Protein backbone atom coordinates (compact mmCIF):
# COMPACT_ATOMS: atom_id res chain seq x y z
CA UNK A 1 4.19 -20.76 -26.31
CA UNK A 2 4.94 -17.18 -27.38
CA UNK A 3 5.14 -14.65 -24.57
CA UNK A 4 3.17 -11.48 -25.24
CA UNK A 5 4.84 -8.30 -23.93
CA UNK A 6 3.30 -4.86 -24.42
CA UNK A 7 5.77 -1.99 -24.18
CA UNK A 8 4.70 1.58 -23.36
CA UNK A 9 7.17 4.42 -23.82
CA UNK A 10 6.93 8.04 -22.77
CA UNK A 11 3.90 10.11 -23.68
CA UNK A 12 4.09 13.53 -25.33
CA UNK A 13 5.37 16.41 -23.21
CA UNK A 14 2.55 18.69 -22.15
CA UNK A 15 2.49 22.05 -23.94
CA UNK A 16 2.07 23.60 -20.48
CA UNK A 17 5.44 22.21 -19.36
CA UNK A 18 9.06 23.04 -20.10
CA UNK A 19 11.38 20.02 -19.93
CA UNK A 20 14.85 20.32 -18.44
CA UNK A 21 17.55 17.65 -18.17
CA UNK A 22 18.71 18.14 -14.58
CA UNK A 23 22.22 16.91 -13.80
CA UNK A 24 22.80 14.78 -10.69
CA UNK A 25 26.08 14.66 -8.73
CA UNK A 26 27.35 11.71 -10.81
CA UNK A 27 26.58 13.39 -14.14
CA UNK A 28 23.37 11.46 -14.89
CA UNK A 29 20.60 13.74 -16.19
CA UNK A 30 16.97 13.37 -15.13
CA UNK A 31 14.09 14.54 -17.31
CA UNK A 32 12.18 17.21 -15.40
CA UNK A 33 9.04 19.13 -16.38
CA UNK A 34 8.35 22.57 -14.93
CA UNK A 35 4.80 23.98 -14.83
CA UNK A 36 4.56 27.67 -13.93
CA UNK A 37 1.47 29.52 -12.66
CA UNK A 38 0.00 31.69 -15.42
CA UNK A 39 -0.02 34.78 -13.22
CA UNK A 40 3.47 34.23 -11.78
CA UNK A 41 4.82 37.62 -10.69
CA UNK A 42 7.90 36.50 -8.79
CA UNK A 43 9.51 33.59 -6.94
CA UNK A 44 7.13 31.30 -5.07
CA UNK A 45 6.78 27.89 -3.43
CA UNK A 46 7.24 24.72 -5.46
CA UNK A 47 5.61 21.28 -5.39
CA UNK A 48 7.95 18.47 -6.50
CA UNK A 49 6.88 15.01 -7.64
CA UNK A 50 9.43 12.33 -8.59
CA UNK A 51 7.89 9.21 -10.13
CA UNK A 52 8.75 6.13 -12.24
CA UNK A 53 5.45 5.95 -14.18
CA UNK A 54 6.10 8.58 -16.89
CA UNK A 55 5.71 12.24 -16.04
CA UNK A 56 3.81 12.67 -19.31
CA UNK A 57 1.73 9.46 -19.29
CA UNK A 58 -2.00 8.92 -18.98
CA UNK A 59 -1.63 6.61 -15.97
CA UNK A 60 -0.56 9.39 -13.60
CA UNK A 61 -2.16 12.34 -15.49
CA UNK A 62 0.45 14.71 -14.11
CA UNK A 63 -0.41 17.59 -16.48
CA UNK A 64 -3.90 17.74 -14.95
CA UNK A 65 -2.48 17.59 -11.43
CA UNK A 66 0.05 20.29 -12.28
CA UNK A 67 -2.71 22.53 -13.59
CA UNK A 68 -4.61 22.07 -10.31
CA UNK A 69 -1.59 23.19 -8.29
CA UNK A 70 -0.49 26.02 -10.61
CA UNK A 71 -3.96 27.59 -10.64
CA UNK A 72 -3.59 27.78 -6.85
CA UNK A 73 -0.30 29.61 -7.01
CA UNK A 74 2.29 26.82 -6.94
CA UNK A 75 5.01 26.03 -9.45
CA UNK A 76 5.02 22.28 -10.04
CA UNK A 77 8.06 20.22 -10.94
CA UNK A 78 7.56 16.62 -12.15
CA UNK A 79 10.51 14.33 -12.76
CA UNK A 80 11.06 10.86 -14.21
CA UNK A 81 13.26 9.04 -11.69
CA UNK A 82 16.63 7.69 -12.74
CA UNK A 83 16.46 5.03 -15.44
CA UNK A 84 12.80 5.61 -16.29
CA UNK A 85 11.25 6.97 -19.48
CA UNK A 86 13.15 10.13 -20.55
CA UNK A 87 15.68 10.07 -17.68
CA UNK A 88 19.21 8.70 -18.01
CA UNK A 89 20.92 6.16 -15.76
CA UNK A 90 20.47 2.61 -14.55
CA UNK A 91 16.95 1.36 -13.82
CA UNK A 92 17.19 0.18 -10.21
CA UNK A 93 14.50 0.20 -7.55
CA UNK A 94 14.63 2.41 -4.45
CA UNK A 95 18.36 2.97 -3.95
CA UNK A 96 18.98 6.16 -5.97
CA UNK A 97 16.04 8.22 -4.76
CA UNK A 98 17.64 9.87 -1.72
CA UNK A 99 20.54 11.70 -3.36
CA UNK A 100 18.66 12.21 -6.64
CA UNK A 101 15.92 13.89 -4.63
CA UNK A 102 18.47 16.03 -2.80
CA UNK A 103 20.16 17.13 -6.03
CA UNK A 104 16.83 17.96 -7.64
CA UNK A 105 15.95 20.14 -4.64
CA UNK A 106 19.31 21.87 -5.07
CA UNK A 107 18.47 22.60 -8.70
CA UNK A 108 14.98 23.89 -7.88
CA UNK A 109 16.11 26.48 -5.34
CA UNK A 110 18.60 27.91 -7.85
CA UNK A 111 15.80 28.75 -10.33
CA UNK A 112 14.39 32.26 -10.62
CA UNK A 113 10.82 31.05 -10.05
CA UNK A 114 11.68 29.39 -6.72
CA UNK A 115 11.61 31.16 -3.36
CA UNK A 116 13.57 28.31 -1.77
CA UNK A 117 10.51 26.64 -0.23
CA UNK A 118 9.58 23.18 -1.57
CA UNK A 119 6.94 20.58 -0.74
CA UNK A 120 6.61 17.11 -2.21
CA UNK A 121 3.43 15.27 -3.15
CA UNK A 122 2.48 11.87 -4.59
CA UNK A 123 1.23 8.31 -4.29
CA UNK A 124 2.92 4.96 -3.83
CA UNK A 125 6.45 5.02 -5.32
CA UNK A 126 6.23 8.79 -5.66
CA UNK A 127 5.28 8.85 -2.01
CA UNK A 128 8.38 6.79 -1.27
CA UNK A 129 10.58 9.28 -3.14
CA UNK A 130 9.39 11.94 -0.69
CA UNK A 131 10.65 9.97 2.29
CA UNK A 132 13.92 9.34 0.43
CA UNK A 133 14.41 13.09 -0.05
CA UNK A 134 13.54 13.71 3.61
CA UNK A 135 16.33 11.32 4.60
CA UNK A 136 18.95 13.75 3.23
CA UNK A 137 17.81 16.57 5.50
CA UNK A 138 17.68 19.12 2.67
CA UNK A 139 16.68 22.47 4.26
CA UNK A 140 14.46 23.52 1.33
CA UNK A 141 12.08 20.59 1.83
CA UNK A 142 9.49 22.05 4.21
CA UNK A 143 6.55 19.61 4.00
CA UNK A 144 5.56 16.34 2.33
CA UNK A 145 2.24 14.71 1.45
CA UNK A 146 2.88 10.98 0.87
CA UNK A 147 -0.18 8.94 -0.08
CA UNK A 148 -0.69 5.13 0.10
CA UNK A 149 3.00 4.42 0.60
CA UNK A 150 5.70 3.71 3.18
CA UNK A 151 9.42 3.78 3.78
CA UNK A 152 9.42 -0.03 3.38
CA UNK A 153 7.25 0.02 0.26
CA UNK A 154 7.76 -3.12 -1.83
CA UNK A 155 10.12 -4.72 0.66
CA UNK A 156 10.41 -8.49 0.27
CA UNK A 157 9.49 -10.32 3.49
CA UNK A 158 11.70 -12.97 5.00
CA UNK A 159 12.67 -14.64 8.27
CA UNK A 160 13.29 -12.29 11.20
CA UNK A 161 15.86 -13.42 13.78
CA UNK A 162 14.13 -14.68 16.91
CA UNK A 163 10.66 -14.71 15.37
CA UNK A 164 8.49 -17.50 13.97
CA UNK A 165 6.35 -15.27 11.74
CA UNK A 166 6.78 -12.70 8.99
CA UNK A 167 4.71 -11.05 6.26
CA UNK A 168 3.51 -13.14 3.32
CA UNK A 169 5.16 -12.48 -0.04
CA UNK A 170 2.92 -10.54 -2.41
CA UNK A 171 2.78 -11.81 -5.98
CA UNK A 172 3.57 -8.33 -7.29
CA UNK A 173 6.73 -7.98 -5.19
CA UNK A 174 9.07 -9.79 -7.60
CA UNK A 175 6.91 -9.06 -10.63
CA UNK A 176 7.14 -5.27 -10.24
CA UNK A 177 10.85 -5.22 -11.22
CA UNK A 178 9.85 -7.20 -14.33
CA UNK A 179 7.21 -4.73 -15.48
CA UNK A 180 7.56 -1.23 -14.05
CA UNK A 181 11.32 -1.36 -13.31
CA UNK A 182 12.77 -3.62 -16.00
CA UNK A 183 14.03 -0.81 -18.19
CA UNK A 184 13.05 2.72 -19.14
CA UNK A 185 9.60 1.74 -20.45
CA UNK A 186 6.59 0.07 -18.87
CA UNK A 187 6.35 -3.61 -19.84
CA UNK A 188 3.03 -5.40 -19.48
CA UNK A 189 2.90 -9.19 -19.55
CA UNK A 190 1.27 -11.95 -17.55
CA UNK A 191 2.77 -14.64 -15.39
CA UNK A 192 0.96 -17.99 -15.47
CA UNK A 193 0.56 -18.78 -11.78
CA UNK A 194 -0.54 -22.33 -12.57
CA UNK A 195 2.81 -23.18 -14.22
CA UNK A 196 5.76 -23.90 -11.96
CA UNK A 197 8.48 -23.01 -11.40
CA UNK A 198 7.58 -19.34 -11.63
CA UNK A 199 11.25 -18.36 -11.98
CA UNK A 200 11.49 -20.29 -15.26
CA UNK A 201 8.84 -18.01 -16.74
CA UNK A 202 10.94 -15.01 -15.73
CA UNK A 203 13.85 -16.40 -17.71
CA UNK A 204 11.52 -16.83 -20.69
CA UNK A 205 10.57 -13.18 -20.32
CA UNK A 206 14.22 -12.10 -20.28
CA UNK A 207 14.84 -14.09 -23.45
CA UNK A 208 11.79 -12.54 -25.13
CA UNK A 209 12.79 -8.93 -24.39
CA UNK A 210 16.54 -9.51 -24.82
CA UNK A 211 17.64 -8.11 -21.45
CA UNK A 212 17.59 -8.77 -17.72
CA UNK A 213 16.21 -6.72 -14.85
CA UNK A 214 18.84 -5.52 -12.38
CA UNK A 215 16.15 -4.95 -9.75
CA UNK A 216 14.93 -8.55 -10.06
CA UNK A 217 18.42 -10.03 -10.08
CA UNK A 218 19.50 -8.36 -6.83
CA UNK A 219 16.38 -9.83 -5.20
CA UNK A 220 16.52 -13.36 -6.59
CA UNK A 221 16.69 -15.95 -5.27
CA UNK A 222 17.36 -14.16 -1.96
CA UNK A 223 17.40 -10.38 -1.59
CA UNK A 224 20.61 -8.43 -1.47
CA UNK A 225 19.43 -5.51 0.62
CA UNK A 226 21.06 -2.48 -0.92
CA UNK A 227 20.71 0.64 1.25
CA UNK A 228 17.54 2.51 0.41
CA UNK A 229 18.61 5.52 2.45
CA UNK A 230 22.41 5.98 2.25
CA UNK A 231 22.21 9.29 4.15
CA UNK A 232 20.34 7.65 7.04
CA UNK A 233 16.76 6.67 7.71
CA UNK A 234 14.16 9.40 7.06
CA UNK A 235 12.92 9.25 10.63
CA UNK A 236 16.43 10.09 11.86
CA UNK A 237 16.42 13.26 9.76
CA UNK A 238 14.97 16.60 10.95
CA UNK A 239 11.20 16.30 11.13
CA UNK A 240 9.02 18.16 8.60
CA UNK A 241 5.23 18.40 8.51
CA UNK A 242 3.79 15.30 6.86
CA UNK A 243 0.25 14.72 5.63
CA UNK A 244 0.00 10.93 5.48
CA UNK A 245 -2.92 9.52 3.51
CA UNK A 246 -3.83 5.88 4.20
CA UNK A 247 -6.64 3.96 2.49
CA UNK A 248 -8.85 1.49 4.33
CA UNK A 249 -8.71 -0.84 1.30
CA UNK A 250 -5.16 -0.07 0.16
CA UNK A 251 -3.19 -3.29 -0.28
CA UNK A 252 -0.03 -1.36 0.65
CA UNK A 253 -1.52 0.08 3.86
CA UNK A 254 0.51 -2.17 6.19
CA UNK A 255 3.65 -0.21 5.25
CA UNK A 256 1.84 3.07 5.93
CA UNK A 257 0.71 1.91 9.36
CA UNK A 258 4.25 0.68 10.16
CA UNK A 259 5.49 4.21 9.47
CA UNK A 260 2.71 5.76 11.53
CA UNK A 261 3.57 3.60 14.55
CA UNK A 262 7.23 4.55 14.28
CA UNK A 263 6.47 8.26 13.90
CA UNK A 264 4.35 8.16 17.06
CA UNK A 265 7.40 6.87 18.96
CA UNK A 266 9.48 9.89 17.92
CA UNK A 267 8.32 13.13 19.58
CA UNK A 268 9.50 15.53 16.86
CA UNK A 269 7.83 13.51 14.11
CA UNK A 270 4.71 12.91 16.19
CA UNK A 271 4.26 16.67 16.50
CA UNK A 272 4.49 17.01 12.72
CA UNK A 273 2.27 14.13 11.59
CA UNK A 274 -1.23 14.70 10.18
CA UNK A 275 -3.35 11.69 9.22
CA UNK A 276 -5.86 11.55 6.38
CA UNK A 277 -7.63 8.18 6.58
CA UNK A 278 -9.91 7.54 3.64
CA UNK A 279 -12.25 4.89 2.28
CA UNK A 280 -10.07 4.30 -0.79
CA UNK A 281 -7.89 1.63 -2.36
CA UNK A 282 -4.37 2.06 -3.75
CA UNK A 283 -5.62 3.52 -7.04
CA UNK A 284 -7.86 6.01 -5.22
CA UNK A 285 -11.16 4.34 -6.04
CA UNK A 286 -13.62 5.48 -3.37
CA UNK A 287 -16.03 3.32 -1.38
CA UNK A 288 -18.48 6.23 -1.58
CA UNK A 289 -18.17 6.69 -5.36
CA UNK A 290 -17.91 3.19 -6.86
CA UNK A 291 -16.57 2.97 -10.40
CA UNK A 292 -15.97 6.72 -10.62
CA UNK A 293 -12.71 7.25 -12.50
CA UNK A 294 -10.21 10.08 -12.32
CA UNK A 295 -11.98 11.83 -15.20
CA UNK A 296 -15.03 12.51 -13.05
CA UNK A 297 -15.33 16.20 -12.01
CA UNK A 298 -15.39 15.17 -8.35
CA UNK A 299 -12.05 13.36 -8.51
CA UNK A 300 -9.37 16.06 -8.48
CA UNK A 301 -10.93 18.08 -5.65
CA UNK A 302 -11.22 15.08 -3.33
CA UNK A 303 -7.77 13.88 -4.41
CA UNK A 304 -5.85 17.16 -4.15
CA UNK A 305 -7.72 19.64 -1.93
CA UNK A 306 -6.34 18.23 1.36
CA UNK A 307 -2.79 18.63 0.02
CA UNK A 308 -3.47 22.17 -1.24
CA UNK A 309 -4.79 23.13 2.19
CA UNK A 310 -1.78 21.49 3.86
CA UNK A 311 0.75 23.22 1.61
CA UNK A 312 -1.01 26.57 1.99
CA UNK A 313 -0.33 26.33 5.71
CA UNK A 314 3.22 24.95 5.67
CA UNK A 315 4.61 26.44 2.45
CA UNK A 316 2.73 29.74 2.17
CA UNK A 317 2.19 30.44 5.86
CA UNK A 318 -1.60 30.63 5.74
CA UNK A 319 -2.95 30.68 9.29
CA UNK A 320 -5.38 27.79 9.56
CA UNK A 321 -5.79 24.92 11.99
CA UNK A 322 -5.53 21.49 10.37
CA UNK A 323 -6.98 18.60 12.39
CA UNK A 324 -4.44 16.01 13.49
CA UNK A 325 -6.67 13.22 12.21
CA UNK A 326 -9.35 13.28 9.54
CA UNK A 327 -11.09 10.06 8.66
CA UNK A 328 -14.00 8.62 6.72
CA UNK A 329 -16.56 6.18 8.08
CA UNK A 330 -17.34 3.78 5.22
CA UNK A 331 -20.84 2.36 5.18
CA UNK A 332 -22.30 5.46 6.84
CA UNK A 333 -23.48 7.11 3.64
CA UNK A 334 -21.59 10.26 4.66
CA UNK A 335 -18.35 10.79 2.72
CA UNK A 336 -17.35 13.76 4.84
CA UNK A 337 -14.23 13.67 7.00
CA UNK A 338 -14.57 13.35 10.75
CA UNK A 339 -11.95 15.16 12.82
CA UNK A 340 -10.20 13.80 15.91
CA UNK A 341 -7.18 14.68 17.98
CA UNK A 342 -5.79 11.15 17.81
CA UNK A 343 -6.20 7.80 16.13
CA UNK A 344 -7.99 5.70 17.09
CA UNK A 345 -10.52 8.23 18.45
CA UNK A 346 -10.16 8.84 22.17
CA UNK A 347 -13.69 7.55 22.81
CA UNK A 348 -13.03 4.19 21.14
CA UNK A 349 -12.67 0.92 22.99
CA UNK A 350 -11.94 -2.71 22.13
CA UNK A 351 -14.22 -5.73 22.08
CA UNK A 352 -13.18 -9.36 21.73
CA UNK A 353 -15.03 -12.02 19.75
CA UNK A 354 -14.44 -15.71 20.44
CA UNK A 355 -14.77 -18.43 17.78
CA UNK A 356 -16.58 -21.74 18.12
CA UNK A 357 -17.99 -24.10 15.51
CA UNK A 358 -19.01 -21.73 12.72
CA UNK A 359 -19.94 -18.88 15.06
CA UNK A 360 -18.19 -15.58 15.73
CA UNK A 361 -18.76 -14.12 19.18
CA UNK A 362 -19.08 -17.47 20.96
CA UNK A 363 -16.46 -18.89 23.30
CA UNK A 364 -14.90 -22.19 22.26
CA UNK A 365 -14.83 -25.27 24.44
CA UNK A 366 -11.44 -26.23 25.88
CA UNK A 367 -9.41 -28.18 23.33
CA UNK A 368 -11.67 -27.24 20.38
CA UNK A 369 -9.59 -27.49 17.20
CA UNK A 370 -10.60 -27.11 13.56
CA UNK A 371 -8.55 -28.35 10.60
CA UNK A 372 -8.40 -27.90 6.86
CA UNK A 373 -6.17 -28.81 3.93
CA UNK A 374 -4.03 -26.23 2.14
CA UNK A 375 -3.18 -27.29 -1.41
CA UNK A 376 -1.01 -24.90 -3.44
CA UNK A 377 -2.14 -26.71 -6.59
CA UNK A 378 -5.70 -25.53 -5.85
CA UNK A 379 -5.29 -22.35 -3.80
CA UNK A 380 -8.05 -20.13 -2.53
CA UNK A 381 -8.48 -17.62 -5.38
CA UNK A 382 -7.94 -13.93 -4.76
CA UNK A 383 -11.32 -12.19 -4.91
CA UNK A 384 -10.17 -9.53 -7.41
CA UNK A 385 -7.91 -9.51 -10.42
CA UNK A 386 -6.22 -6.25 -9.45
CA UNK A 387 -5.67 -5.80 -5.72
CA UNK A 388 -4.51 -2.22 -6.26
CA UNK A 389 -7.98 -1.35 -7.59
CA UNK A 390 -9.94 -3.45 -5.11
CA UNK A 391 -12.87 -1.05 -4.84
CA UNK A 392 -13.31 -0.90 -8.61
CA UNK A 393 -14.73 -4.42 -8.22
CA UNK A 394 -15.53 -4.62 -4.47
CA UNK A 395 -16.77 -8.18 -4.98
CA UNK A 396 -19.27 -10.29 -3.12
CA UNK A 397 -17.06 -12.88 -1.37
CA UNK A 398 -19.78 -15.24 -0.19
CA UNK A 399 -18.65 -17.94 -2.63
CA UNK A 400 -15.34 -18.29 -0.77
CA UNK A 401 -17.27 -19.53 2.26
CA UNK A 402 -18.34 -22.58 0.26
CA UNK A 403 -14.79 -23.88 -0.17
CA UNK A 404 -13.67 -26.75 2.10
CA UNK A 405 -10.31 -25.04 2.61
CA UNK A 406 -11.87 -21.87 4.07
CA UNK A 407 -13.01 -21.73 7.69
CA UNK A 408 -16.06 -19.54 8.26
CA UNK A 409 -17.22 -17.89 11.49
CA UNK A 410 -20.31 -15.67 11.32
CA UNK A 411 -21.65 -13.46 14.08
CA UNK A 412 -25.25 -12.58 14.90
CA UNK A 413 -26.79 -9.67 13.00
CA UNK A 414 -26.47 -6.41 14.92
CA UNK A 415 -29.57 -4.60 16.09
CA UNK A 416 -28.08 -1.12 15.85
CA UNK A 417 -25.18 0.43 13.92
CA UNK A 418 -21.75 -0.82 14.99
CA UNK A 419 -18.97 1.63 14.13
CA UNK A 420 -15.51 0.09 13.76
CA UNK A 421 -12.83 2.76 14.17
CA UNK A 422 -9.27 1.61 14.69
CA UNK A 423 -7.11 -1.52 14.59
CA UNK A 424 -8.38 -5.09 14.18
CA UNK A 425 -6.29 -8.08 15.22
CA UNK A 426 -6.63 -11.84 15.35
CA UNK A 427 -4.81 -13.77 18.07
CA UNK A 428 -4.64 -17.54 17.71
CA UNK A 429 -2.59 -20.71 17.95
CA UNK A 430 -1.95 -22.01 14.43
CA UNK A 431 -0.44 -25.34 13.41
CA UNK A 432 0.51 -27.19 10.24
CA UNK A 433 2.34 -30.33 9.20
CA UNK A 434 4.22 -28.29 6.57
CA UNK A 435 7.66 -26.72 7.12
CA UNK A 436 6.02 -23.31 6.73
CA UNK A 437 2.44 -22.19 6.27
CA UNK A 438 0.43 -19.05 5.68
CA UNK A 439 -2.61 -17.87 7.60
CA UNK A 440 -5.02 -15.45 5.92
CA UNK A 441 -7.81 -13.70 7.83
CA UNK A 442 -10.60 -11.70 6.21
CA UNK A 443 -13.33 -9.79 8.04
CA UNK A 444 -16.43 -9.18 5.93
CA UNK A 445 -19.80 -7.49 6.22
CA UNK A 446 -22.60 -9.99 5.60
CA UNK A 447 -25.78 -8.28 4.41
CA UNK A 448 -29.31 -9.66 4.89
CA UNK A 449 -29.25 -10.88 1.25
CA UNK A 450 -26.22 -13.07 2.06
CA UNK A 451 -23.63 -10.99 0.21
CA UNK A 452 -20.28 -10.62 1.98
CA UNK A 453 -17.92 -7.71 1.33
CA UNK A 454 -14.51 -7.03 2.76
CA UNK A 455 -13.95 -4.75 5.73
CA UNK A 456 -10.35 -5.64 6.64
CA UNK A 457 -7.80 -8.40 6.14
CA UNK A 458 -4.36 -9.57 7.23
CA UNK A 459 -1.96 -12.47 6.78
CA UNK A 460 1.20 -14.02 8.19
CA UNK A 461 3.71 -16.68 7.20
CA UNK A 462 4.46 -19.06 10.08
CA UNK A 463 7.76 -20.95 10.17
CA UNK A 464 7.91 -24.50 11.53
CA UNK A 465 4.37 -24.25 12.96
CA UNK A 466 4.14 -27.88 14.15
CA UNK A 467 1.21 -28.53 16.44
CA UNK A 468 0.76 -24.85 17.15
CA UNK A 469 2.47 -21.47 17.32
CA UNK A 470 1.01 -18.34 18.89
CA UNK A 471 0.28 -15.96 16.02
CA UNK A 472 -1.06 -12.43 15.89
CA UNK A 473 -2.48 -11.36 12.56
CA UNK A 474 -2.78 -7.62 12.03
CA UNK A 475 -5.88 -6.91 9.92
CA UNK A 476 -4.98 -3.23 9.70
CA UNK A 477 -7.24 -0.34 10.62
CA UNK A 478 -10.67 0.66 9.42
CA UNK A 479 -13.43 3.16 9.77
CA UNK A 480 -16.55 1.20 8.91
CA UNK A 481 -20.21 1.16 9.94
CA UNK A 482 -21.93 -2.21 10.18
CA UNK A 483 -25.59 -1.48 9.50
CA UNK A 484 -28.49 -2.93 11.49
CA UNK A 485 -29.35 -6.42 10.26
CA UNK A 486 -25.79 -6.99 9.01
CA UNK A 487 -23.30 -9.40 10.59
CA UNK A 488 -19.54 -9.75 10.87
CA UNK A 489 -17.93 -12.79 9.28
CA UNK A 490 -14.35 -13.96 9.77
CA UNK A 491 -12.84 -16.36 7.23
CA UNK A 492 -9.51 -18.14 7.67
CA UNK A 493 -7.52 -19.84 4.91
CA UNK A 494 -4.05 -20.94 3.90
CA UNK A 495 -3.80 -19.08 0.59
CA UNK A 496 -4.97 -16.05 -1.37
CA UNK A 497 -3.52 -16.51 -4.84
CA UNK A 498 -2.21 -14.97 -6.95
CA UNK A 499 -2.24 -11.79 -4.87
CA UNK A 500 0.10 -13.67 -2.54
CA UNK A 501 2.53 -16.39 -3.65
CA UNK A 502 1.18 -19.66 -2.22
CA UNK A 503 3.37 -21.81 0.00
CA UNK A 504 4.20 -24.97 -2.00
CA UNK A 505 4.03 -27.14 1.12
CA UNK A 506 7.61 -28.36 0.66
CA UNK A 507 9.48 -25.50 2.30
CA UNK A 508 11.25 -24.71 -0.98
CA UNK A 509 11.66 -21.22 -2.44
CA UNK A 510 8.21 -20.24 -3.69
CA UNK A 511 9.50 -19.18 -7.09
CA UNK A 512 11.70 -22.27 -7.57
CA UNK A 513 9.42 -25.06 -6.32
CA UNK A 514 8.32 -27.46 -9.06
CA UNK A 515 6.07 -29.73 -7.01
CA UNK A 516 3.57 -28.95 -4.29
CA UNK A 517 2.43 -31.01 -1.31
CA UNK A 518 -0.90 -30.52 0.49
CA UNK A 519 -0.58 -29.56 4.15
CA UNK A 520 -2.97 -30.12 7.04
CA UNK A 521 -3.51 -26.92 8.96
CA UNK A 522 -5.24 -26.31 12.27
CA UNK A 523 -6.51 -23.56 14.54
CA UNK A 524 -6.89 -23.94 18.30
CA UNK A 525 -10.18 -22.11 18.81
CA UNK A 526 -9.98 -21.92 22.60
CA UNK A 527 -6.86 -19.78 22.12
CA UNK A 528 -8.38 -17.61 19.39
CA UNK A 529 -10.01 -14.19 19.56
CA UNK A 530 -10.78 -11.38 17.16
CA UNK A 531 -10.28 -7.92 18.65
CA UNK A 532 -12.06 -4.94 17.07
CA UNK A 533 -11.85 -1.27 17.99
CA UNK A 534 -15.30 0.33 18.09
CA UNK A 535 -17.02 3.58 19.00
CA UNK A 536 -19.74 3.94 21.63
CA UNK A 537 -23.26 3.68 20.25
CA UNK A 538 -24.60 7.11 19.39
């Protein structure tokens, strides 16, 4: 078969921008666009964005974002990271962003339009580049606004010494270096997840395009962990104000919450952290505005106004109090942000739900065990085609409950609104006759018409589970109102493919396994509980 690969190169430079080739310490030059305010009368603060997705491309629409910032008095600098689009150098994930960020900041503060004060803004990888720049301790970097990202963004999971569990490998983890970070351009092609071994298809791709991916090769078959932060971890650097945006339906949110937990443990960072918790997915689709794209007039204000307000305070010195936590309550019909001094809200408390039979909220009998078969040749299908844009589809998941390899536990309909506001966790004892196994948990809202839509989810890989291993599955955090007449439903399964690479059942490397073996999996219900954080009834 012929592999189809679509290549996208750089878009045209915006007429509002002036491109510079900025030299790094090793001589490599990075393509950098500068957008100046129309009424610029002297040096002023600068917003920097460093991204791998084309500073001039339609996907990130940076000219529109730059116009939003420049009309509010900021100079904006947008740069293709090393090895991408118009920038020189080797295309290699993560490891060059710290010093390249530092050297770009050095260049900015030497320009006549800069007053020496810089903030950074951006999503995902261009949120990660902010943390990388922070790690160098550059004194000009005064505030950052990372969205839907984390310092461990894209990190491949693997065994942790002394632990029996770790995160499940996302399908995109090894594919990203083969599409977004293969070479300077963006390469779009599809992996056939029904054809093993997956690694053989990668070699076919390399043959088709006539080159290899350095980022893939350092990760395969087992990751060589090059230092992301050669100057030291960002959290060990001097703290700067950070506006951290996390989406309830963002598939990368676990990395954001990991960072939040670590920041809370460090007093200087805790004093500088501001949370913006929104009912969005990774691509900024909103639960309140389904199927409203970035061209809608409402998009840029809701996307950028919190950052403008934040930068006004910490870059321009505007005197205004910014709440420590702002969050949205999905399902409430009110898209406004609620303000709290902490997260979860100080008035919240936790409730535990037992599991028995097919019921949620009922205590199991001693020794009650349920079993199912995980078959990687027929995995539980992922509910959406693009997990990054989950809310663009926001599917009805009731059909998954009909599968024999999905356990279903449904609670009683609530008589009054139930507001979930905080972390959700599943504690259980999980077993399997396979050498390793995955456990996926999904909490959904079941409406009176029977439709079931996702509230929160989590997953873990369990090593050598045997008859049973104590497992805690973190389903993340949410702000969600369960309406009267609606019920909570918890589903448990052994796969969610292709969003996550299914365990073959043999213990082999998931990208090298040729054959698969069905595994019998089990949950000890008497040792299982779902813990939700809720608010008092109003």
